[in-house]
């Protein structure tokens, strides 16, 4: 009855009216990310992380947190000395 592809035009017009021109690109972007994540999850290409990798990352994060705490302590000590 209608030309092929007409349904998509109607859907896009309705989406534009509902979400508005400012939010429509955000909606498309989030929909695209969702579809991509679903496809990646279904393909199973990604290998699960090894426990050793996770432990190494945790150790690295702990070291960085310790360095940050040390730097903050030095900064506070310098501020107290300046007073």
PDB file of N, CA and C in Angstrom:
ATOM      1  N   UNK A   1       0.828  -1.179   0.000  1.00  0.00           N
ATOM      2  CA  UNK A   1       0.000   0.000   0.000  1.00  0.00           C
ATOM      3  C   UNK A   1       0.883   1.258   0.000  1.00  0.00           C
ATOM      4  N   UNK A   2       1.850   1.306   0.925  1.00  0.00           N
ATOM      5  CA  UNK A   2       2.767   2.447   0.972  1.00  0.00           C
ATOM      6  C   UNK A   2       4.073   2.046   0.304  1.00  0.00           C
ATOM      7  N   UNK A   3       4.840   3.016  -0.176  1.00  0.00           N
ATOM      8  CA  UNK A   3       6.142   2.665  -0.757  1.00  0.00           C
ATOM      9  C   UNK A   3       7.080   2.095   0.304  1.00  0.00           C
ATOM     10  N   UNK A   4       8.008   1.258  -0.153  1.00  0.00           N
ATOM     11  CA  UNK A   4       8.930   0.610   0.766  1.00  0.00           C
ATOM     12  C   UNK A   4       9.796   1.658   1.460  1.00  0.00           C
ATOM     13  N   UNK A   5       9.975   1.526   2.778  1.00  0.00           N
ATOM     14  CA  UNK A   5      10.756   2.474   3.549  1.00  0.00           C
ATOM     15  C   UNK A   5       9.900   3.568   4.176  1.00  0.00           C
ATOM     16  N   UNK A   6       8.653   3.651   3.817  1.00  0.00           N
ATOM     17  CA  UNK A   6       7.769   4.683   4.362  1.00  0.00           C
ATOM     18  C   UNK A   6       7.579   4.502   5.869  1.00  0.00           C
ATOM     19  N   UNK A   7       7.583   3.258   6.313  1.00  0.00           N
ATOM     20  CA  UNK A   7       7.397   2.989   7.741  1.00  0.00           C
ATOM     21  C   UNK A   7       8.517   3.629   8.557  1.00  0.00           C
ATOM     22  N   UNK A   8       9.749   3.553   8.033  1.00  0.00           N
ATOM     23  CA  UNK A   8      10.892   4.135   8.740  1.00  0.00           C
ATOM     24  C   UNK A   8      10.774   5.651   8.841  1.00  0.00           C
ATOM     25  N   UNK A   9      10.252   6.267   7.806  1.00  0.00           N
ATOM     26  CA  UNK A   9      10.060   7.721   7.825  1.00  0.00           C
ATOM     27  C   UNK A   9       9.065   8.095   8.907  1.00  0.00           C
ATOM     28  N   UNK A  10       7.989   7.344   9.001  1.00  0.00           N
ATOM     29  CA  UNK A  10       6.965   7.609  10.023  1.00  0.00           C
ATOM     30  C   UNK A  10       7.553   7.404  11.417  1.00  0.00           C
ATOM     31  N   UNK A  11       8.326   6.343  11.603  1.00  0.00           N
ATOM     32  CA  UNK A  11       8.942   6.067  12.905  1.00  0.00           C
ATOM     33  C   UNK A  11       9.893   7.197  13.279  1.00  0.00           C
ATOM     34  N   UNK A  12      10.715   7.664  12.333  1.00  0.00           N
ATOM     35  CA  UNK A  12      11.645   8.753  12.614  1.00  0.00           C
ATOM     36  C   UNK A  12      10.919  10.050  12.956  1.00  0.00           C
ATOM     37  N   UNK A  13       9.837  10.335  12.273  1.00  0.00           N
ATOM     38  CA  UNK A  13       9.071  11.552  12.572  1.00  0.00           C
ATOM     39  C   UNK A  13       8.456  11.471  13.962  1.00  0.00           C
ATOM     40  N   UNK A  14       7.911  10.317  14.319  1.00  0.00           N
ATOM     41  CA  UNK A  14       7.320  10.144  15.649  1.00  0.00           C
ATOM     42  C   UNK A  14       8.400  10.259  16.722  1.00  0.00           C
ATOM     43  N   UNK A  15       9.557   9.652  16.493  1.00  0.00           N
ATOM     44  CA  UNK A  15      10.661   9.743  17.462  1.00  0.00           C
ATOM     45  C   UNK A  15      11.117  11.190  17.611  1.00  0.00           C
ATOM     46  N   UNK A  16      11.174  11.917  16.512  1.00  0.00           N
ATOM     47  CA  UNK A  16      11.573  13.319  16.558  1.00  0.00           C
ATOM     48  C   UNK A  16      10.574  14.141  17.362  1.00  0.00           C
ATOM     49  N   UNK A  17       9.297  13.859  17.198  1.00  0.00           N
ATOM     50  CA  UNK A  17       8.272  14.580  17.950  1.00  0.00           C
ATOM     51  C   UNK A  17       8.307  14.235  19.434  1.00  0.00           C
ATOM     52  N   UNK A  18       8.581  12.975  19.761  1.00  0.00           N
ATOM     53  CA  UNK A  18       8.574  12.550  21.165  1.00  0.00           C
ATOM     54  C   UNK A  18       9.818  13.036  21.899  1.00  0.00           C
ATOM     55  N   UNK A  19      10.984  12.815  21.304  1.00  0.00           N
ATOM     56  CA  UNK A  19      12.233  13.094  22.014  1.00  0.00           C
ATOM     57  C   UNK A  19      12.812  14.472  21.716  1.00  0.00           C
ATOM     58  N   UNK A  20      12.433  15.081  20.624  1.00  0.00           N
ATOM     59  CA  UNK A  20      12.940  16.401  20.283  1.00  0.00           C
ATOM     60  C   UNK A  20      14.258  16.313  19.541  1.00  0.00           C
ATOM     61  N   UNK A  21      14.593  17.381  18.825  1.00  0.00           N
ATOM     62  CA  UNK A  21      15.808  17.335  18.002  1.00  0.00           C
ATOM     63  C   UNK A  21      17.100  17.321  18.808  1.00  0.00           C
ATOM     64  N   UNK A  22      17.083  17.818  20.041  1.00  0.00           N
ATOM     65  CA  UNK A  22      18.308  17.839  20.846  1.00  0.00           C
ATOM     66  C   UNK A  22      18.633  16.464  21.430  1.00  0.00           C
ATOM     67  N   UNK A  23      17.627  15.709  21.796  1.00  0.00           N
ATOM     68  CA  UNK A  23      17.846  14.421  22.452  1.00  0.00           C
ATOM     69  C   UNK A  23      17.923  13.254  21.477  1.00  0.00           C
ATOM     70  N   UNK A  24      17.509  13.453  20.234  1.00  0.00           N
ATOM     71  CA  UNK A  24      17.507  12.358  19.276  1.00  0.00           C
ATOM     72  C   UNK A  24      18.913  11.828  18.986  1.00  0.00           C
ATOM     73  N   UNK A  25      19.940  12.674  18.802  1.00  0.00           N
ATOM     74  CA  UNK A  25      21.297  12.118  18.604  1.00  0.00           C
ATOM     75  C   UNK A  25      21.792  11.331  19.814  1.00  0.00           C
ATOM     76  N   UNK A  26      21.482  11.806  21.019  1.00  0.00           N
ATOM     77  CA  UNK A  26      21.882  11.072  22.230  1.00  0.00           C
ATOM     78  C   UNK A  26      21.210   9.704  22.263  1.00  0.00           C
ATOM     79  N   UNK A  27      19.947   9.671  21.884  1.00  0.00           N
ATOM     80  CA  UNK A  27      19.207   8.414  21.875  1.00  0.00           C
ATOM     81  C   UNK A  27      19.813   7.447  20.866  1.00  0.00           C
ATOM     82  N   UNK A  28      20.151   7.951  19.682  1.00  0.00           N
ATOM     83  CA  UNK A  28      20.762   7.104  18.658  1.00  0.00           C
ATOM     84  C   UNK A  28      22.111   6.571  19.092  1.00  0.00           C
ATOM     85  N   UNK A  29      22.900   7.425  19.743  1.00  0.00           N
ATOM     86  CA  UNK A  29      24.218   7.005  20.213  1.00  0.00           C
ATOM     87  C   UNK A  29      24.104   5.910  21.265  1.00  0.00           C
ATOM     88  N   UNK A  30      23.211   6.102  22.225  1.00  0.00           N
ATOM     89  CA  UNK A  30      23.060   5.094  23.278  1.00  0.00           C
ATOM     90  C   UNK A  30      22.486   3.792  22.718  1.00  0.00           C
ATOM     91  N   UNK A  31      21.589   3.898  21.742  1.00  0.00           N
ATOM     92  CA  UNK A  31      21.033   2.700  21.119  1.00  0.00           C
ATOM     93  C   UNK A  31      22.127   1.945  20.364  1.00  0.00           C
ATOM     94  N   UNK A  32      22.986   2.683  19.669  1.00  0.00           N
ATOM     95  CA  UNK A  32      24.090   2.050  18.947  1.00  0.00           C
ATOM     96  C   UNK A  32      25.054   1.345  19.878  1.00  0.00           C
ATOM     97  N   UNK A  33      25.382   1.985  21.014  1.00  0.00           N
ATOM     98  CA  UNK A  33      26.272   1.349  21.992  1.00  0.00           C
ATOM     99  C   UNK A  33      25.645   0.085  22.559  1.00  0.00           C
ATOM    100  N   UNK A  34      24.348   0.143  22.812  1.00  0.00           N
ATOM    101  CA  UNK A  34      23.649  -1.026  23.351  1.00  0.00           C
ATOM    102  C   UNK A  34      23.694  -2.184  22.373  1.00  0.00           C
ATOM    103  N   UNK A  35      23.414  -1.907  21.110  1.00  0.00           N
ATOM    104  CA  UNK A  35      23.440  -2.961  20.089  1.00  0.00           C
ATOM    105  C   UNK A  35      24.847  -3.533  19.958  1.00  0.00           C
ATOM    106  N   UNK A  36      25.868  -2.655  19.988  1.00  0.00           N
ATOM    107  CA  UNK A  36      27.260  -3.115  19.897  1.00  0.00           C
ATOM    108  C   UNK A  36      27.611  -4.030  21.064  1.00  0.00           C
ATOM    109  N   UNK A  37      27.222  -3.629  22.281  1.00  0.00           N
ATOM    110  CA  UNK A  37      27.517  -4.451  23.459  1.00  0.00           C
ATOM    111  C   UNK A  37      26.806  -5.795  23.399  1.00  0.00           C
ATOM    112  N   UNK A  38      25.587  -5.795  22.909  1.00  0.00           N
ATOM    113  CA  UNK A  38      24.842  -7.056  22.794  1.00  0.00           C
ATOM    114  C   UNK A  38      25.525  -7.972  21.788  1.00  0.00           C
ATOM    115  N   UNK A  39      25.937  -7.406  20.644  1.00  0.00           N
ATOM    116  CA  UNK A  39      26.613  -8.225  19.633  1.00  0.00           C
ATOM    117  C   UNK A  39      27.926  -8.786  20.157  1.00  0.00           C
ATOM    118  N   UNK A  40      28.699  -7.963  20.869  1.00  0.00           N
ATOM    119  CA  UNK A  40      29.964  -8.447  21.435  1.00  0.00           C
ATOM    120  C   UNK A  40      29.714  -9.540  22.463  1.00  0.00           C
ATOM    121  N   UNK A  41      28.669  -9.372  23.260  1.00  0.00           N
ATOM    122  CA  UNK A  41      28.356 -10.380  24.269  1.00  0.00           C
ATOM    123  C   UNK A  41      27.913 -11.691  23.659  1.00  0.00           C
ATOM    124  N   UNK A  42      27.185 -11.617  22.559  1.00  0.00           N
ATOM    125  CA  UNK A  42      26.694 -12.836  21.918  1.00  0.00           C
ATOM    126  C   UNK A  42      27.788 -13.538  21.126  1.00  0.00           C
ATOM    127  N   UNK A  43      28.762 -12.781  20.600  1.00  0.00           N
ATOM    128  CA  UNK A  43      29.803 -13.406  19.794  1.00  0.00           C
ATOM    129  C   UNK A  43      30.778 -14.189  20.663  1.00  0.00           C
ATOM    130  N   UNK A  44      30.992 -13.733  21.890  1.00  0.00           N
ATOM    131  CA  UNK A  44      31.881 -14.440  22.802  1.00  0.00           C
ATOM    132  C   UNK A  44      33.334 -14.342  22.409  1.00  0.00           C
ATOM    133  N   UNK A  45      33.704 -13.317  21.629  1.00  0.00           N
ATOM    134  CA  UNK A  45      35.089 -13.157  21.200  1.00  0.00           C
ATOM    135  C   UNK A  45      36.008 -12.789  22.349  1.00  0.00           C
ATOM    136  N   UNK A  46      35.486 -12.065  23.293  1.00  0.00           N
ATOM    137  CA  UNK A  46      36.310 -11.609  24.406  1.00  0.00           C
ATOM    138  C   UNK A  46      36.577 -12.757  25.375  1.00  0.00           C
ATOM    139  N   UNK A  47      37.843 -12.936  25.701  1.00  0.00           N
ATOM    140  CA  UNK A  47      38.209 -13.961  26.678  1.00  0.00           C
ATOM    141  C   UNK A  47      38.080 -13.359  28.073  1.00  0.00           C
ATOM    142  N   UNK A  48      37.568 -14.119  29.011  1.00  0.00           N
ATOM    143  CA  UNK A  48      37.468 -13.579  30.373  1.00  0.00           C
ATOM    144  C   UNK A  48      38.852 -13.297  30.944  1.00  0.00           C
ATOM    145  N   UNK A  49      38.935 -12.287  31.760  1.00  0.00           N
ATOM    146  CA  UNK A  49      40.220 -11.900  32.355  1.00  0.00           C
ATOM    147  C   UNK A  49      40.702 -12.987  33.310  1.00  0.00           C
ATOM    148  N   UNK A  50      42.000 -13.242  33.254  1.00  0.00           N
ATOM    149  CA  UNK A  50      42.598 -14.208  34.174  1.00  0.00           C
ATOM    150  C   UNK A  50      42.636 -13.610  35.571  1.00  0.00           C
ATOM    151  N   UNK A  51      42.628 -14.475  36.561  1.00  0.00           N
ATOM    152  CA  UNK A  51      42.733 -14.003  37.934  1.00  0.00           C
ATOM    153  C   UNK A  51      44.061 -13.301  38.168  1.00  0.00           C
ATOM    154  N   UNK A  52      45.119 -13.768  37.505  1.00  0.00           N
ATOM    155  CA  UNK A  52      46.435 -13.157  37.672  1.00  0.00           C
ATOM    156  C   UNK A  52      46.422 -11.716  37.162  1.00  0.00           C
ATOM    157  N   UNK A  53      45.722 -11.481  36.044  1.00  0.00           N
ATOM    158  CA  UNK A  53      45.620 -10.122  35.507  1.00  0.00           C
ATOM    159  C   UNK A  53      44.879  -9.219  36.478  1.00  0.00           C
ATOM    160  N   UNK A  54      43.824  -9.736  37.059  1.00  0.00           N
ATOM    161  CA  UNK A  54      43.034  -8.949  37.999  1.00  0.00           C
ATOM    162  C   UNK A  54      43.864  -8.615  39.233  1.00  0.00           C
ATOM    163  N   UNK A  55      44.627  -9.578  39.730  1.00  0.00           N
ATOM    164  CA  UNK A  55      45.465  -9.360  40.907  1.00  0.00           C
ATOM    165  C   UNK A  55      46.538  -8.323  40.597  1.00  0.00           C
ATOM    166  N   UNK A  56      47.143  -8.398  39.403  1.00  0.00           N
ATOM    167  CA  UNK A  56      48.159  -7.420  39.016  1.00  0.00           C
ATOM    168  C   UNK A  56      47.558  -6.017  38.953  1.00  0.00           C
ATOM    169  N   UNK A  57      46.364  -5.901  38.404  1.00  0.00           N
ATOM    170  CA  UNK A  57      45.702  -4.609  38.320  1.00  0.00           C
ATOM    171  C   UNK A  57      45.378  -4.083  39.714  1.00  0.00           C
ATOM    172  N   UNK A  58      44.937  -4.982  40.596  1.00  0.00           N
ATOM    173  CA  UNK A  58      44.633  -4.573  41.968  1.00  0.00           C
ATOM    174  C   UNK A  58      45.894  -4.092  42.684  1.00  0.00           C
ATOM    175  N   UNK A  59      47.007  -4.791  42.455  1.00  0.00           N
ATOM    176  CA  UNK A  59      48.273  -4.376  43.065  1.00  0.00           C
ATOM    177  C   UNK A  59      48.695  -3.009  42.550  1.00  0.00           C
ATOM    178  N   UNK A  60      48.539  -2.798  41.258  1.00  0.00           N
ATOM    179  CA  UNK A  60      48.915  -1.515  40.664  1.00  0.00           C
ATOM    180  C   UNK A  60      48.047  -0.390  41.222  1.00  0.00           C
ATOM    181  N   UNK A  61      46.763  -0.644  41.357  1.00  0.00           N
ATOM    182  CA  UNK A  61      45.859   0.360  41.925  1.00  0.00           C
ATOM    183  C   UNK A  61      46.241   0.654  43.371  1.00  0.00           C
ATOM    184  N   UNK A  62      46.577  -0.373  44.138  1.00  0.00           N
ATOM    185  CA  UNK A  62      46.975  -0.180  45.528  1.00  0.00           C
ATOM    186  C   UNK A  62      48.254   0.656  45.617  1.00  0.00           C
ATOM    187  N   UNK A  63      49.204   0.396  44.718  1.00  0.00           N
ATOM    188  CA  UNK A  63      50.445   1.175  44.713  1.00  0.00           C
ATOM    189  C   UNK A  63      50.170   2.639  44.386  1.00  0.00           C
ATOM    190  N   UNK A  64      49.319   2.874  43.401  1.00  0.00           N
ATOM    191  CA  UNK A  64      48.989   4.251  43.033  1.00  0.00           C
ATOM    192  C   UNK A  64      48.260   4.974  44.158  1.00  0.00           C
ATOM    193  N   UNK A  65      47.375   4.260  44.844  1.00  0.00           N
ATOM    194  CA  UNK A  65      46.670   4.867  45.978  1.00  0.00           C
ATOM    195  C   UNK A  65      47.647   5.217  47.101  1.00  0.00           C
ATOM    196  N   UNK A  66      48.629   4.346  47.335  1.00  0.00           N
ATOM    197  CA  UNK A  66      49.638   4.621  48.361  1.00  0.00           C
ATOM    198  C   UNK A  66      50.478   5.833  47.983  1.00  0.00           C
ATOM    199  N   UNK A  67      50.849   5.946  46.712  1.00  0.00           N
ATOM    200  CA  UNK A  67      51.609   7.102  46.249  1.00  0.00           C
ATOM    201  C   UNK A  67      50.797   8.387  46.393  1.00  0.00           C
ATOM    202  N   UNK A  68      49.518   8.303  46.090  1.00  0.00           N
ATOM    203  CA  UNK A  68      48.645   9.468  46.224  1.00  0.00           C
ATOM    204  C   UNK A  68      48.522   9.889  47.682  1.00  0.00           C
ATOM    205  N   UNK A  69      48.355   8.934  48.578  1.00  0.00           N
ATOM    206  CA  UNK A  69      48.252   9.248  50.005  1.00  0.00           C
ATOM    207  C   UNK A  69      49.556   9.877  50.505  1.00  0.00           C
ATOM    208  N   UNK A  70      50.678   9.359  50.033  1.00  0.00           N
ATOM    209  CA  UNK A  70      51.973   9.906  50.430  1.00  0.00           C
ATOM    210  C   UNK A  70      52.133  11.344  49.923  1.00  0.00           C
ATOM    211  N   UNK A  71      51.725  11.596  48.698  1.00  0.00           N
ATOM    212  CA  UNK A  71      51.823  12.939  48.137  1.00  0.00           C
ATOM    213  C   UNK A  71      50.916  13.917  48.885  1.00  0.00           C
ATOM    214  N   UNK A  72      49.729  13.458  49.258  1.00  0.00           N
ATOM    215  CA  UNK A  72      48.811  14.316  50.024  1.00  0.00           C
ATOM    216  C   UNK A  72      49.404  14.642  51.394  1.00  0.00           C
ATOM    217  N   UNK A  73      50.024  13.647  52.031  1.00  0.00           N
ATOM    218  CA  UNK A  73      50.625  13.873  53.337  1.00  0.00           C
ATOM    219  C   UNK A  73      51.762  14.881  53.235  1.00  0.00           C
ATOM    220  N   UNK A  74      52.582  14.768  52.197  1.00  0.00           N
ATOM    221  CA  UNK A  74      53.677  15.724  51.992  1.00  0.00           C
ATOM    222  C   UNK A  74      53.125  17.130  51.755  1.00  0.00           C
ATOM    223  N   UNK A  75      52.056  17.218  51.000  1.00  0.00           N
ATOM    224  CA  UNK A  75      51.459  18.525  50.704  1.00  0.00           C
ATOM    225  C   UNK A  75      50.896  19.155  51.969  1.00  0.00           C
ATOM    226  N   UNK A  76      50.231  18.351  52.796  1.00  0.00           N
ATOM    227  CA  UNK A  76      49.678  18.866  54.055  1.00  0.00           C
ATOM    228  C   UNK A  76      50.804  19.297  54.999  1.00  0.00           C
ATOM    229  N   UNK A  77      51.892  18.520  55.032  1.00  0.00           N
ATOM    230  CA  UNK A  77      53.028  18.874  55.887  1.00  0.00           C
ATOM    231  C   UNK A  77      53.672  20.173  55.409  1.00  0.00           C
ATOM    232  N   UNK A  78      53.760  20.343  54.117  1.00  0.00           N
ATOM    233  CA  UNK A  78      54.332  21.581  53.577  1.00  0.00           C
ATOM    234  C   UNK A  78      53.439  22.769  53.878  1.00  0.00           C
ATOM    235  N   UNK A  79      52.133  22.560  53.826  1.00  0.00           N
ATOM    236  CA  UNK A  79      51.195  23.645  54.133  1.00  0.00           C
ATOM    237  C   UNK A  79      51.281  24.029  55.598  1.00  0.00           C
ATOM    238  N   UNK A  80      51.458  23.043  56.502  1.00  0.00           N
ATOM    239  CA  UNK A  80      51.586  23.337  57.940  1.00  0.00           C
ATOM    240  C   UNK A  80      52.896  24.059  58.220  1.00  0.00           C
ATOM    241  N   UNK A  81      53.969  23.692  57.514  1.00  0.00           N
ATOM    242  CA  UNK A  81      55.250  24.357  57.701  1.00  0.00           C
ATOM    243  C   UNK A  81      55.211  25.794  57.201  1.00  0.00           C
ATOM    244  N   UNK A  82      54.425  26.046  56.179  1.00  0.00           N
ATOM    245  CA  UNK A  82      54.332  27.394  55.618  1.00  0.00           C
ATOM    246  C   UNK A  82      53.580  28.334  56.545  1.00  0.00           C
ATOM    247  N   UNK A  83      52.741  27.789  57.390  1.00  0.00           N
ATOM    248  CA  UNK A  83      51.958  28.610  58.329  1.00  0.00           C
ATOM    249  C   UNK A  83      52.836  29.067  59.407  1.00  0.00           C
TER     250      UNK A  83
END
